[in-house]
Amino acid sequence: MLLFLLGVLVTVLAGVAANLLTPFAKPLWAWVRSVMHRSERATIEQEIRTRQAQLKQLDRFRNSDRDLYLYLFQWLLGIATMFVAAVGCAILAATTLYERLFLNLSFLFLIFAAVSTLVILASCHEWTASGMPKKVARLESEIRKLRARLPEL
């Protein structure tokens, strides 16, 4: 019985508090929506800046083959470094007491090397003479779509 009366009292007090706070609901909701809009606008603007940076990188690669070759060479060196580290860990596994640790590290480095090789092979079509204009067109289209969404906010 006491819990029932306590529940009724809490319900009545909550109703009175809700009626007293009703005039503040509209400005509070407007403030929450403006914060959401600013956050969404900032997110879209960040996406636009990211795609513009990708366009600049592609333009630099298109204008200078040296930059593209250096970029791909960096990937190649990273992959080669992981293979060398994997072989080094395998050698250490065969010569030390910590066989399992170094063997696991060796497999880990081999997996990293294989994944990065697959990533660079998958993205190589973007760096060809026919792939670069397609990627540029796609990025410009994405930027136009994102800019079209900005005024709605």
Protein backbone atom coordinates (compact mmCIF):
# COMPACT_ATOMS: atom_id res chain seq x y z
CA MET A 1 0.00 0.00 0.00
CA LEU A 2 2.83 2.34 0.88
CA LEU A 3 4.53 1.64 -2.45
CA PHE A 4 1.29 2.34 -4.30
CA LEU A 5 0.92 5.74 -2.58
CA LEU A 6 4.56 6.52 -3.27
CA GLY A 7 4.02 5.66 -6.96
CA VAL A 8 0.97 7.91 -7.18
CA LEU A 9 2.84 10.76 -5.47
CA VAL A 10 5.82 10.43 -7.81
CA THR A 11 3.48 10.34 -10.84
CA VAL A 12 1.65 13.48 -9.72
CA LEU A 13 4.91 15.31 -9.01
CA ALA A 14 6.33 14.25 -12.39
CA GLY A 15 3.16 15.52 -14.12
CA VAL A 16 3.37 18.88 -12.32
CA ALA A 17 7.08 19.20 -13.17
CA ALA A 18 6.37 18.32 -16.82
CA ASN A 19 3.65 20.98 -17.03
CA LEU A 20 5.92 23.58 -15.46
CA LEU A 21 8.79 22.73 -17.85
CA THR A 22 6.64 22.65 -21.01
CA PRO A 23 7.39 26.29 -22.00
CA PHE A 24 11.11 25.44 -22.02
CA ALA A 25 10.70 22.37 -24.23
CA LYS A 26 10.57 24.22 -27.57
CA PRO A 27 13.73 26.31 -27.07
CA LEU A 28 15.52 23.30 -25.64
CA TRP A 29 14.53 21.17 -28.64
CA ALA A 30 15.61 23.94 -31.04
CA TRP A 31 19.00 24.11 -29.30
CA VAL A 32 19.42 20.31 -29.49
CA ARG A 33 18.55 20.33 -33.21
CA SER A 34 20.99 23.19 -33.91
CA VAL A 35 23.78 21.27 -32.17
CA MET A 36 22.92 18.19 -34.24
CA HIS A 37 22.92 20.26 -37.44
CA ARG A 38 26.29 21.84 -36.63
CA SER A 39 27.74 18.42 -35.88
CA GLU A 40 26.39 16.97 -39.13
CA ARG A 41 27.60 20.02 -41.08
CA ALA A 42 31.09 19.65 -39.58
CA THR A 43 31.11 15.96 -40.49
CA ILE A 44 30.14 16.69 -44.09
CA GLU A 45 32.72 19.47 -44.35
CA GLN A 46 35.39 17.08 -43.05
CA GLU A 47 34.39 14.50 -45.67
CA ILE A 48 34.64 17.17 -48.37
CA ARG A 49 38.13 18.17 -47.17
CA THR A 50 39.22 14.52 -47.19
CA ARG A 51 38.04 14.01 -50.75
CA GLN A 52 39.65 17.28 -51.86
CA ALA A 53 42.95 16.09 -50.38
CA GLN A 54 42.59 12.83 -52.33
CA LEU A 55 41.96 14.86 -55.49
CA LYS A 56 45.10 16.91 -54.86
CA GLN A 57 47.11 13.72 -54.38
CA LEU A 58 45.74 12.25 -57.61
CA ASP A 59 46.49 15.49 -59.45
CA ARG A 60 50.04 15.41 -58.12
CA PHE A 61 50.40 11.77 -59.22
CA ARG A 62 48.99 12.58 -62.65
CA ASN A 63 51.35 15.53 -63.15
CA SER A 64 54.46 13.77 -61.88
CA ASP A 65 55.10 10.08 -62.42
CA ARG A 66 57.93 10.32 -59.91
CA ASP A 67 55.48 10.96 -57.05
CA LEU A 68 53.39 7.96 -58.04
CA TYR A 69 56.43 5.71 -58.25
CA LEU A 70 57.66 6.95 -54.87
CA TYR A 71 54.24 6.23 -53.37
CA LEU A 72 54.20 2.70 -54.76
CA PHE A 73 57.84 2.21 -53.76
CA GLN A 74 56.94 3.13 -50.16
CA TRP A 75 54.31 0.37 -50.20
CA LEU A 76 56.81 -2.07 -51.66
CA LEU A 77 59.40 -1.21 -48.99
CA GLY A 78 56.81 -1.65 -46.24
CA ILE A 79 55.84 -5.07 -47.55
CA ALA A 80 59.48 -6.11 -47.96
CA THR A 81 60.22 -4.94 -44.41
CA MET A 82 57.42 -7.11 -43.04
CA PHE A 83 58.72 -10.14 -44.97
CA VAL A 84 62.25 -9.53 -43.64
CA ALA A 85 60.90 -9.18 -40.11
CA ALA A 86 58.95 -12.42 -40.54
CA VAL A 87 62.05 -14.27 -41.72
CA GLY A 88 64.08 -12.78 -38.87
CA CYS A 89 61.52 -13.92 -36.32
CA ALA A 90 61.46 -17.39 -37.88
CA ILE A 91 65.26 -17.59 -37.58
CA LEU A 92 65.08 -16.43 -33.96
CA ALA A 93 62.40 -19.03 -33.29
CA ALA A 94 64.73 -21.75 -34.51
CA THR A 95 67.72 -20.56 -32.47
CA THR A 96 66.30 -19.41 -29.13
CA LEU A 97 64.25 -20.75 -26.26
CA TYR A 98 61.28 -18.50 -27.10
CA GLU A 99 60.21 -20.52 -30.13
CA ARG A 100 56.47 -20.04 -29.86
CA LEU A 101 56.70 -16.26 -29.36
CA PHE A 102 58.97 -15.67 -32.35
CA LEU A 103 57.07 -18.13 -34.51
CA ASN A 104 53.80 -16.34 -33.72
CA LEU A 105 55.45 -13.00 -34.52
CA SER A 106 56.71 -14.46 -37.76
CA PHE A 107 53.21 -15.53 -38.76
CA LEU A 108 51.84 -12.15 -37.72
CA PHE A 109 54.35 -10.32 -39.92
CA LEU A 110 53.59 -12.66 -42.81
CA ILE A 111 49.87 -12.00 -42.44
CA PHE A 112 50.47 -8.22 -42.36
CA ALA A 113 52.64 -8.50 -45.47
CA ALA A 114 50.02 -10.57 -47.29
CA VAL A 115 47.18 -8.19 -46.38
CA SER A 116 49.12 -5.10 -47.42
CA THR A 117 50.10 -6.83 -50.68
CA LEU A 118 46.45 -7.55 -51.39
CA VAL A 119 45.50 -3.96 -50.56
CA ILE A 120 48.09 -2.49 -52.93
CA LEU A 121 47.14 -4.96 -55.66
CA ALA A 122 43.46 -4.11 -55.26
CA SER A 123 44.15 -0.38 -55.50
CA CYS A 124 46.60 -0.59 -58.41
CA HIS A 125 43.82 -0.27 -60.98
CA GLU A 126 43.22 3.26 -59.66
CA TRP A 127 46.73 4.32 -60.66
CA THR A 128 46.49 3.32 -64.32
CA ALA A 129 45.90 5.79 -67.16
CA SER A 130 42.26 4.73 -67.40
CA GLY A 131 41.72 4.35 -63.65
CA MET A 132 42.82 7.83 -62.56
CA PRO A 133 40.18 9.78 -64.54
CA LYS A 134 37.48 7.43 -63.20
CA LYS A 135 38.61 7.96 -59.64
CA VAL A 136 38.82 11.74 -60.16
CA ALA A 137 35.29 11.77 -61.60
CA ARG A 138 34.01 9.67 -58.71
CA LEU A 139 35.63 11.95 -56.11
CA GLU A 140 34.28 15.09 -57.82
CA SER A 141 30.81 13.53 -57.92
CA GLU A 142 31.00 12.70 -54.20
CA ILE A 143 32.11 16.26 -53.41
CA ARG A 144 29.18 17.70 -55.42
CA LYS A 145 26.73 15.41 -53.61
CA LEU A 146 28.14 16.36 -50.20
CA ARG A 147 28.00 20.08 -51.04
CA ALA A 148 24.40 19.66 -52.15
CA ARG A 149 23.57 18.29 -48.70
CA LEU A 150 25.12 21.26 -46.86
CA PRO A 151 22.40 23.90 -47.40
CA GLU A 152 19.71 21.52 -46.15
CA LEU A 153 21.23 21.69 -42.72
